[in-house]
Amino acid sequence: VFHTSVLDNDLLEQRYPQTKGKLSTTASEKTKYRYDDSV
């Protein structure tokens, strides 16, 4: 079973130093809601 979430790169790098400089610039979502806000 998989659970996915989208997190800010700077927060990930603070909590997990091994990710510094290795993260994606944009998170991809296969299916998402039609948000009212600009996400």
All heavy atoms as atom14 arrays in JSON, in Angstrom:
{
  "sequence": "VFHTSVLDNDLLEQRYPQTKGKLSTTASEKTKYRYDDSV",
  "atom14_mask": [
    [1, 1, 1, 1, 1, 1, 1, 0, 0, 0, 0, 0, 0, 0],
    [1, 1, 1, 1, 1, 1, 1, 1, 1, 1, 1, 0, 0, 0],
    [1, 1, 1, 1, 1, 1, 1, 1, 1, 1, 0, 0, 0, 0],
    [1, 1, 1, 1, 1, 1, 1, 0, 0, 0, 0, 0, 0, 0],
    [1, 1, 1, 1, 1, 1, 0, 0, 0, 0, 0, 0, 0, 0],
    [1, 1, 1, 1, 1, 1, 1, 0, 0, 0, 0, 0, 0, 0],
    [1, 1, 1, 1, 1, 1, 1, 1, 0, 0, 0, 0, 0, 0],
    [1, 1, 1, 1, 1, 1, 1, 1, 0, 0, 0, 0, 0, 0],
    [1, 1, 1, 1, 1, 1, 1, 1, 0, 0, 0, 0, 0, 0],
    [1, 1, 1, 1, 1, 1, 1, 1, 0, 0, 0, 0, 0, 0],
    [1, 1, 1, 1, 1, 1, 1, 1, 0, 0, 0, 0, 0, 0],
    [1, 1, 1, 1, 1, 1, 1, 1, 0, 0, 0, 0, 0, 0],
    [1, 1, 1, 1, 1, 1, 1, 1, 1, 0, 0, 0, 0, 0],
    [1, 1, 1, 1, 1, 1, 1, 1, 1, 0, 0, 0, 0, 0],
    [1, 1, 1, 1, 1, 1, 1, 1, 1, 1, 1, 0, 0, 0],
    [1, 1, 1, 1, 1, 1, 1, 1, 1, 1, 1, 1, 0, 0],
    [1, 1, 1, 1, 1, 1, 1, 0, 0, 0, 0, 0, 0, 0],
    [1, 1, 1, 1, 1, 1, 1, 1, 1, 0, 0, 0, 0, 0],
    [1, 1, 1, 1, 1, 1, 1, 0, 0, 0, 0, 0, 0, 0],
    [1, 1, 1, 1, 1, 1, 1, 1, 1, 0, 0, 0, 0, 0],
    [1, 1, 1, 1, 0, 0, 0, 0, 0, 0, 0, 0, 0, 0],
    [1, 1, 1, 1, 1, 1, 1, 1, 1, 0, 0, 0, 0, 0],
    [1, 1, 1, 1, 1, 1, 1, 1, 0, 0, 0, 0, 0, 0],
    [1, 1, 1, 1, 1, 1, 0, 0, 0, 0, 0, 0, 0, 0],
    [1, 1, 1, 1, 1, 1, 1, 0, 0, 0, 0, 0, 0, 0],
    [1, 1, 1, 1, 1, 1, 1, 0, 0, 0, 0, 0, 0, 0],
    [1, 1, 1, 1, 1, 0, 0, 0, 0, 0, 0, 0, 0, 0],
    [1, 1, 1, 1, 1, 1, 0, 0, 0, 0, 0, 0, 0, 0],
    [1, 1, 1, 1, 1, 1, 1, 1, 1, 0, 0, 0, 0, 0],
    [1, 1, 1, 1, 1, 1, 1, 1, 1, 0, 0, 0, 0, 0],
    [1, 1, 1, 1, 1, 1, 1, 0, 0, 0, 0, 0, 0, 0],
    [1, 1, 1, 1, 1, 1, 1, 1, 1, 0, 0, 0, 0, 0],
    [1, 1, 1, 1, 1, 1, 1, 1, 1, 1, 1, 1, 0, 0],
    [1, 1, 1, 1, 1, 1, 1, 1, 1, 1, 1, 0, 0, 0],
    [1, 1, 1, 1, 1, 1, 1, 1, 1, 1, 1, 1, 0, 0],
    [1, 1, 1, 1, 1, 1, 1, 1, 0, 0, 0, 0, 0, 0],
    [1, 1, 1, 1, 1, 1, 1, 1, 0, 0, 0, 0, 0, 0],
    [1, 1, 1, 1, 1, 1, 0, 0, 0, 0, 0, 0, 0, 0],
    [1, 1, 1, 1, 1, 1, 1, 0, 0, 0, 0, 0, 0, 0]
  ],
  "atom14_positions": [
    [[0.87, -1.18, 0.0], [0.0, 0.0, 0.0], [0.91, 1.23, 0.0], [1.88, 1.3, 0.77], [-0.94, 0.03, 1.22], [-1.67, 1.37, 1.3], [-1.96, -1.1, 1.14], [0.0, 0.0, 0.0], [0.0, 0.0, 0.0], [0.0, 0.0, 0.0], [0.0, 0.0, 0.0], [0.0, 0.0, 0.0], [0.0, 0.0, 0.0], [0.0, 0.0, 0.0]],
    [[0.57, 2.19, -0.86], [1.37, 3.41, -0.99], [0.53, 4.62, -0.61], [-0.67, 4.69, -0.94], [1.89, 3.57, -2.42], [2.81, 2.48, -2.87], [2.32, 1.35, -3.5], [4.19, 2.58, -2.68], [3.15, 0.34, -3.93], [5.04, 1.58, -3.1], [4.53, 0.45, -3.73], [0.0, 0.0, 0.0], [0.0, 0.0, 0.0], [0.0, 0.0, 0.0]],
    [[1.19, 5.56, 0.04], [0.57, 6.85, 0.33], [1.53, 7.94, -0.13], [2.69, 7.96, 0.26], [0.28, 7.0, 1.83], [-0.28, 8.34, 2.19], [0.49, 9.36, 2.72], [-1.53, 8.85, 2.07], [-0.26, 10.42, 2.93], [-1.49, 10.15, 2.54], [0.0, 0.0, 0.0], [0.0, 0.0, 0.0], [0.0, 0.0, 0.0], [0.0, 0.0, 0.0]],
    [[1.05, 8.82, -0.99], [1.9, 9.87, -1.54], [1.49, 11.23, -0.99], [0.31, 11.47, -0.7], [1.8, 9.9, -3.08], [0.45, 10.18, -3.46], [2.21, 8.57, -3.67], [0.0, 0.0, 0.0], [0.0, 0.0, 0.0], [0.0, 0.0, 0.0], [0.0, 0.0, 0.0], [0.0, 0.0, 0.0], [0.0, 0.0, 0.0], [0.0, 0.0, 0.0]],
    [[2.46, 12.1, -0.87], [2.22, 13.48, -0.43], [3.23, 14.39, -1.1], [4.29, 13.94, -1.54], [2.31, 13.59, 1.1], [3.58, 13.16, 1.56], [0.0, 0.0, 0.0], [0.0, 0.0, 0.0], [0.0, 0.0, 0.0], [0.0, 0.0, 0.0], [0.0, 0.0, 0.0], [0.0, 0.0, 0.0], [0.0, 0.0, 0.0], [0.0, 0.0, 0.0]],
    [[2.9, 15.66, -1.17], [3.78, 16.66, -1.79], [4.28, 17.59, -0.7], [3.48, 18.21, 0.01], [3.04, 17.43, -2.89], [3.92, 18.53, -3.47], [2.58, 16.49, -4.0], [0.0, 0.0, 0.0], [0.0, 0.0, 0.0], [0.0, 0.0, 0.0], [0.0, 0.0, 0.0], [0.0, 0.0, 0.0], [0.0, 0.0, 0.0], [0.0, 0.0, 0.0]],
    [[5.61, 17.7, -0.57], [6.21, 18.53, 0.47], [7.2, 19.51, -0.14], [7.77, 19.26, -1.21], [6.92, 17.65, 1.51], [6.05, 16.64, 2.28], [6.92, 15.82, 3.2], [4.96, 17.35, 3.05], [0.0, 0.0, 0.0], [0.0, 0.0, 0.0], [0.0, 0.0, 0.0], [0.0, 0.0, 0.0], [0.0, 0.0, 0.0], [0.0, 0.0, 0.0]],
    [[7.41, 20.61, 0.55], [8.37, 21.62, 0.1], [9.8, 21.07, 0.18], [10.17, 20.42, 1.16], [8.27, 22.88, 0.95], [6.95, 23.61, 0.75], [6.52, 23.69, -0.41], [6.35, 24.07, 1.74], [0.0, 0.0, 0.0], [0.0, 0.0, 0.0], [0.0, 0.0, 0.0], [0.0, 0.0, 0.0], [0.0, 0.0, 0.0], [0.0, 0.0, 0.0]],
    [[10.6, 21.38, -0.83], [11.97, 20.88, -0.87], [12.81, 21.39, 0.3], [13.63, 20.64, 0.86], [12.64, 21.28, -2.19], [12.09, 20.48, -3.37], [11.44, 19.45, -3.19], [12.35, 20.96, -4.57], [0.0, 0.0, 0.0], [0.0, 0.0, 0.0], [0.0, 0.0, 0.0], [0.0, 0.0, 0.0], [0.0, 0.0, 0.0], [0.0, 0.0, 0.0]],
    [[12.62, 22.64, 0.69], [13.45, 23.18, 1.77], [13.17, 22.48, 3.08], [14.08, 22.23, 3.88], [13.26, 24.69, 1.9], [11.8, 25.07, 2.12], [10.91, 24.25, 1.81], [11.55, 26.2, 2.61], [0.0, 0.0, 0.0], [0.0, 0.0, 0.0], [0.0, 0.0, 0.0], [0.0, 0.0, 0.0], [0.0, 0.0, 0.0], [0.0, 0.0, 0.0]],
    [[11.9, 22.12, 3.32], [11.57, 21.39, 4.55], [12.16, 19.99, 4.53], [12.63, 19.48, 5.56], [10.05, 21.34, 4.74], [9.35, 22.69, 4.94], [7.85, 22.49, 5.07], [9.91, 23.41, 6.16], [0.0, 0.0, 0.0], [0.0, 0.0, 0.0], [0.0, 0.0, 0.0], [0.0, 0.0, 0.0], [0.0, 0.0, 0.0], [0.0, 0.0, 0.0]],
    [[12.11, 19.35, 3.35], [12.7, 18.01, 3.23], [14.2, 18.06, 3.48], [14.75, 17.19, 4.17], [12.42, 17.43, 1.85], [11.02, 16.87, 1.6], [10.82, 16.56, 0.12], [10.78, 15.63, 2.44], [0.0, 0.0, 0.0], [0.0, 0.0, 0.0], [0.0, 0.0, 0.0], [0.0, 0.0, 0.0], [0.0, 0.0, 0.0], [0.0, 0.0, 0.0]],
    [[14.87, 19.05, 2.94], [16.32, 19.15, 3.11], [16.69, 19.43, 4.56], [17.73, 18.97, 5.05], [16.87, 20.24, 2.19], [16.8, 19.87, 0.71], [17.29, 20.99, -0.19], [17.54, 22.1, 0.34], [17.42, 20.77, -1.41], [0.0, 0.0, 0.0], [0.0, 0.0, 0.0], [0.0, 0.0, 0.0], [0.0, 0.0, 0.0], [0.0, 0.0, 0.0]],
    [[15.84, 20.18, 5.29], [16.1, 20.43, 6.7], [15.99, 19.15, 7.51], [16.81, 18.88, 8.39], [15.12, 21.48, 7.24], [15.37, 22.89, 6.74], [14.31, 23.85, 7.24], [13.6, 23.57, 8.2], [14.2, 25.0, 6.59], [0.0, 0.0, 0.0], [0.0, 0.0, 0.0], [0.0, 0.0, 0.0], [0.0, 0.0, 0.0], [0.0, 0.0, 0.0]],
    [[14.97, 18.37, 7.21], [14.73, 17.15, 8.01], [15.6, 15.99, 7.56], [16.01, 15.17, 8.37], [13.25, 16.77, 7.9], [12.87, 15.64, 8.84], [11.38, 15.44, 8.9], [11.03, 14.39, 9.85], [9.79, 13.98, 10.09], [8.79, 14.54, 9.44], [9.56, 13.01, 10.96], [0.0, 0.0, 0.0], [0.0, 0.0, 0.0], [0.0, 0.0, 0.0]],
    [[15.87, 15.92, 6.26], [16.66, 14.82, 5.72], [17.84, 15.42, 4.94], [17.72, 15.67, 3.72], [15.81, 13.93, 4.81], [14.57, 13.39, 5.46], [13.33, 13.98, 5.23], [14.62, 12.29, 6.32], [12.17, 13.49, 5.83], [13.48, 11.79, 6.92], [12.26, 12.38, 6.67], [11.12, 11.91, 7.27], [0.0, 0.0, 0.0], [0.0, 0.0, 0.0]],
    [[18.96, 15.66, 5.58], [20.12, 16.3, 4.91], [20.61, 15.54, 3.69], [21.21, 16.14, 2.79], [21.18, 16.33, 6.01], [20.41, 16.26, 7.3], [19.23, 15.41, 7.01], [0.0, 0.0, 0.0], [0.0, 0.0, 0.0], [0.0, 0.0, 0.0], [0.0, 0.0, 0.0], [0.0, 0.0, 0.0], [0.0, 0.0, 0.0], [0.0, 0.0, 0.0]],
    [[20.37, 14.22, 3.63], [20.86, 13.44, 2.49], [20.16, 13.8, 1.19], [20.58, 13.38, 0.1], [20.7, 11.93, 2.76], [19.27, 11.42, 2.84], [18.71, 11.44, 4.24], [19.02, 12.32, 5.03], [17.9, 10.43, 4.56], [0.0, 0.0, 0.0], [0.0, 0.0, 0.0], [0.0, 0.0, 0.0], [0.0, 0.0, 0.0], [0.0, 0.0, 0.0]],
    [[19.08, 14.6, 1.27], [18.35, 14.98, 0.05], [18.84, 16.29, -0.56], [18.37, 16.67, -1.64], [16.85, 15.11, 0.36], [16.66, 16.17, 1.31], [16.29, 13.82, 0.93], [0.0, 0.0, 0.0], [0.0, 0.0, 0.0], [0.0, 0.0, 0.0], [0.0, 0.0, 0.0], [0.0, 0.0, 0.0], [0.0, 0.0, 0.0], [0.0, 0.0, 0.0]],
    [[19.74, 16.97, 0.09], [20.14, 18.3, -0.36], [20.72, 18.23, -1.78], [21.64, 17.48, -2.07], [21.17, 18.88, 0.6], [21.36, 20.38, 0.41], [22.11, 21.0, 1.58], [22.17, 22.51, 1.43], [22.83, 23.16, 2.57], [0.0, 0.0, 0.0], [0.0, 0.0, 0.0], [0.0, 0.0, 0.0], [0.0, 0.0, 0.0], [0.0, 0.0, 0.0]],
    [[20.16, 19.04, -2.66], [20.62, 19.11, -4.04], [20.19, 17.96, -4.91], [20.61, 17.87, -6.06], [0.0, 0.0, 0.0], [0.0, 0.0, 0.0], [0.0, 0.0, 0.0], [0.0, 0.0, 0.0], [0.0, 0.0, 0.0], [0.0, 0.0, 0.0], [0.0, 0.0, 0.0], [0.0, 0.0, 0.0], [0.0, 0.0, 0.0], [0.0, 0.0, 0.0]],
    [[19.35, 17.07, -4.4], [18.96, 15.88, -5.18], [17.45, 15.81, -5.44], [16.96, 14.81, -5.94], [19.38, 14.61, -4.43], [20.87, 14.51, -4.15], [21.19, 13.25, -3.38], [22.68, 13.15, -3.04], [22.98, 11.93, -2.24], [0.0, 0.0, 0.0], [0.0, 0.0, 0.0], [0.0, 0.0, 0.0], [0.0, 0.0, 0.0], [0.0, 0.0, 0.0]],
    [[16.71, 16.86, -5.09], [15.25, 16.81, -5.19], [14.77, 17.38, -6.52], [15.48, 18.11, -7.21], [14.63, 17.6, -4.04], [14.93, 17.05, -2.63], [14.38, 17.96, -1.56], [14.37, 15.64, -2.48], [0.0, 0.0, 0.0], [0.0, 0.0, 0.0], [0.0, 0.0, 0.0], [0.0, 0.0, 0.0], [0.0, 0.0, 0.0], [0.0, 0.0, 0.0]],
    [[13.54, 17.06, -6.86], [12.95, 17.54, -8.11], [12.59, 19.01, -7.98], [12.39, 19.53, -6.88], [11.69, 16.72, -8.43], [11.97, 15.34, -8.42], [0.0, 0.0, 0.0], [0.0, 0.0, 0.0], [0.0, 0.0, 0.0], [0.0, 0.0, 0.0], [0.0, 0.0, 0.0], [0.0, 0.0, 0.0], [0.0, 0.0, 0.0], [0.0, 0.0, 0.0]],
    [[12.49, 19.67, -9.11], [12.1, 21.09, -9.1], [10.58, 21.24, -9.12], [10.04, 22.24, -8.68], [12.69, 21.82, -10.31], [12.29, 21.13, -11.52], [14.21, 21.82, -10.23], [0.0, 0.0, 0.0], [0.0, 0.0, 0.0], [0.0, 0.0, 0.0], [0.0, 0.0, 0.0], [0.0, 0.0, 0.0], [0.0, 0.0, 0.0], [0.0, 0.0, 0.0]],
    [[9.89, 20.22, -9.62], [8.43, 20.26, -9.69], [7.87, 18.88, -9.36], [8.33, 17.87, -9.89], [7.94, 20.68, -11.09], [8.5, 21.94, -11.42], [6.42, 20.78, -11.12], [0.0, 0.0, 0.0], [0.0, 0.0, 0.0], [0.0, 0.0, 0.0], [0.0, 0.0, 0.0], [0.0, 0.0, 0.0], [0.0, 0.0, 0.0], [0.0, 0.0, 0.0]],
    [[6.88, 18.85, -8.46], [6.24, 17.6, -8.1], [5.14, 17.28, -9.11], [4.34, 18.13, -9.45], [5.65, 17.68, -6.69], [0.0, 0.0, 0.0], [0.0, 0.0, 0.0], [0.0, 0.0, 0.0], [0.0, 0.0, 0.0], [0.0, 0.0, 0.0], [0.0, 0.0, 0.0], [0.0, 0.0, 0.0], [0.0, 0.0, 0.0], [0.0, 0.0, 0.0]],
    [[5.12, 16.05, -9.59], [4.12, 15.64, -10.57], [3.02, 14.85, -9.88], [3.28, 14.01, -9.03], [4.76, 14.78, -11.67], [5.33, 13.61, -11.12], [0.0, 0.0, 0.0], [0.0, 0.0, 0.0], [0.0, 0.0, 0.0], [0.0, 0.0, 0.0], [0.0, 0.0, 0.0], [0.0, 0.0, 0.0], [0.0, 0.0, 0.0], [0.0, 0.0, 0.0]],
    [[1.76, 15.15, -10.26], [0.61, 14.43, -9.75], [-0.18, 13.89, -10.93], [-0.58, 14.64, -11.81], [-0.28, 15.34, -8.9], [0.38, 15.84, -7.62], [-0.55, 16.74, -6.83], [-1.33, 16.22, -6.01], [-0.49, 17.95, -7.05], [0.0, 0.0, 0.0], [0.0, 0.0, 0.0], [0.0, 0.0, 0.0], [0.0, 0.0, 0.0], [0.0, 0.0, 0.0]],
    [[-0.41, 12.57, -10.92], [-1.12, 11.96, -12.04], [-2.58, 12.42, -12.09], [-3.11, 12.76, -13.14], [-1.05, 10.43, -11.93], [-1.79, 9.71, -13.04], [-1.51, 8.23, -13.03], [-0.1, 7.95, -13.54], [0.14, 6.5, -13.75], [0.0, 0.0, 0.0], [0.0, 0.0, 0.0], [0.0, 0.0, 0.0], [0.0, 0.0, 0.0], [0.0, 0.0, 0.0]],
    [[-3.25, 12.43, -10.94], [-4.64, 12.86, -10.86], [-4.79, 13.82, -9.71], [-4.29, 13.56, -8.61], [-5.58, 11.65, -10.63], [-5.32, 10.65, -11.63], [-7.03, 12.07, -10.71], [0.0, 0.0, 0.0], [0.0, 0.0, 0.0], [0.0, 0.0, 0.0], [0.0, 0.0, 0.0], [0.0, 0.0, 0.0], [0.0, 0.0, 0.0], [0.0, 0.0, 0.0]],
    [[-5.46, 14.94, -9.94], [-5.64, 15.91, -8.87], [-7.0, 16.59, -9.04], [-7.62, 16.53, -10.1], [-4.53, 16.96, -8.88], [-4.39, 17.75, -10.17], [-3.22, 18.71, -10.09], [-3.07, 19.5, -11.38], [-1.93, 20.44, -11.33], [0.0, 0.0, 0.0], [0.0, 0.0, 0.0], [0.0, 0.0, 0.0], [0.0, 0.0, 0.0], [0.0, 0.0, 0.0]],
    [[-7.44, 17.2, -7.96], [-8.72, 17.89, -7.97], [-8.63, 19.17, -8.79], [-7.56, 19.7, -9.06], [-9.15, 18.24, -6.54], [-9.4, 17.04, -5.67], [-8.51, 16.67, -4.68], [-10.55, 16.28, -5.83], [-8.74, 15.57, -3.87], [-10.8, 15.17, -5.03], [-9.89, 14.82, -4.06], [-10.12, 13.74, -3.26], [0.0, 0.0, 0.0], [0.0, 0.0, 0.0]],
    [[-9.8, 19.68, -9.17], [-9.88, 20.98, -9.84], [-10.0, 22.04, -8.75], [-11.09, 22.42, -8.34], [-11.08, 21.03, -10.77], [-11.01, 20.01, -11.9], [-12.15, 20.23, -12.88], [-11.98, 19.37, -14.06], [-12.65, 19.52, -15.19], [-13.53, 20.51, -15.3], [-12.47, 18.71, -16.2], [0.0, 0.0, 0.0], [0.0, 0.0, 0.0], [0.0, 0.0, 0.0]],
    [[-8.85, 22.47, -8.26], [-8.83, 23.39, -7.13], [-9.36, 24.77, -7.54], [-9.19, 25.22, -8.67], [-7.41, 23.55, -6.59], [-6.79, 22.27, -6.09], [-5.79, 21.63, -6.81], [-7.21, 21.7, -4.89], [-5.22, 20.45, -6.35], [-6.65, 20.52, -4.43], [-5.65, 19.9, -5.16], [-5.1, 18.74, -4.71], [0.0, 0.0, 0.0], [0.0, 0.0, 0.0]],
    [[-10.01, 25.44, -6.57], [-10.41, 26.82, -6.79], [-9.2, 27.74, -6.72], [-9.13, 28.74, -7.43], [-11.44, 27.24, -5.74], [-12.77, 26.52, -5.92], [-12.99, 25.98, -7.02], [-13.57, 26.49, -4.98], [0.0, 0.0, 0.0], [0.0, 0.0, 0.0], [0.0, 0.0, 0.0], [0.0, 0.0, 0.0], [0.0, 0.0, 0.0], [0.0, 0.0, 0.0]],
    [[-8.27, 27.43, -5.84], [-7.05, 28.22, -5.72], [-6.03, 27.77, -6.76], [-6.12, 26.66, -7.31], [-6.44, 28.07, -4.32], [-7.39, 28.55, -3.23], [-8.21, 29.42, -3.52], [-7.31, 28.03, -2.1], [0.0, 0.0, 0.0], [0.0, 0.0, 0.0], [0.0, 0.0, 0.0], [0.0, 0.0, 0.0], [0.0, 0.0, 0.0], [0.0, 0.0, 0.0]],
    [[-5.06, 28.61, -7.0], [-3.96, 28.26, -7.89], [-2.9, 27.52, -7.07], [-2.18, 28.13, -6.28], [-3.36, 29.52, -8.53], [-2.27, 29.19, -9.35], [0.0, 0.0, 0.0], [0.0, 0.0, 0.0], [0.0, 0.0, 0.0], [0.0, 0.0, 0.0], [0.0, 0.0, 0.0], [0.0, 0.0, 0.0], [0.0, 0.0, 0.0], [0.0, 0.0, 0.0]],
    [[-2.85, 26.22, -7.23], [-1.95, 25.37, -6.45], [-0.68, 25.12, -7.25], [-0.72, 24.51, -8.32], [-2.62, 24.03, -6.08], [-1.68, 23.17, -5.26], [-3.91, 24.28, -5.3], [0.0, 0.0, 0.0], [0.0, 0.0, 0.0], [0.0, 0.0, 0.0], [0.0, 0.0, 0.0], [0.0, 0.0, 0.0], [0.0, 0.0, 0.0], [0.0, 0.0, 0.0]]
  ]
}
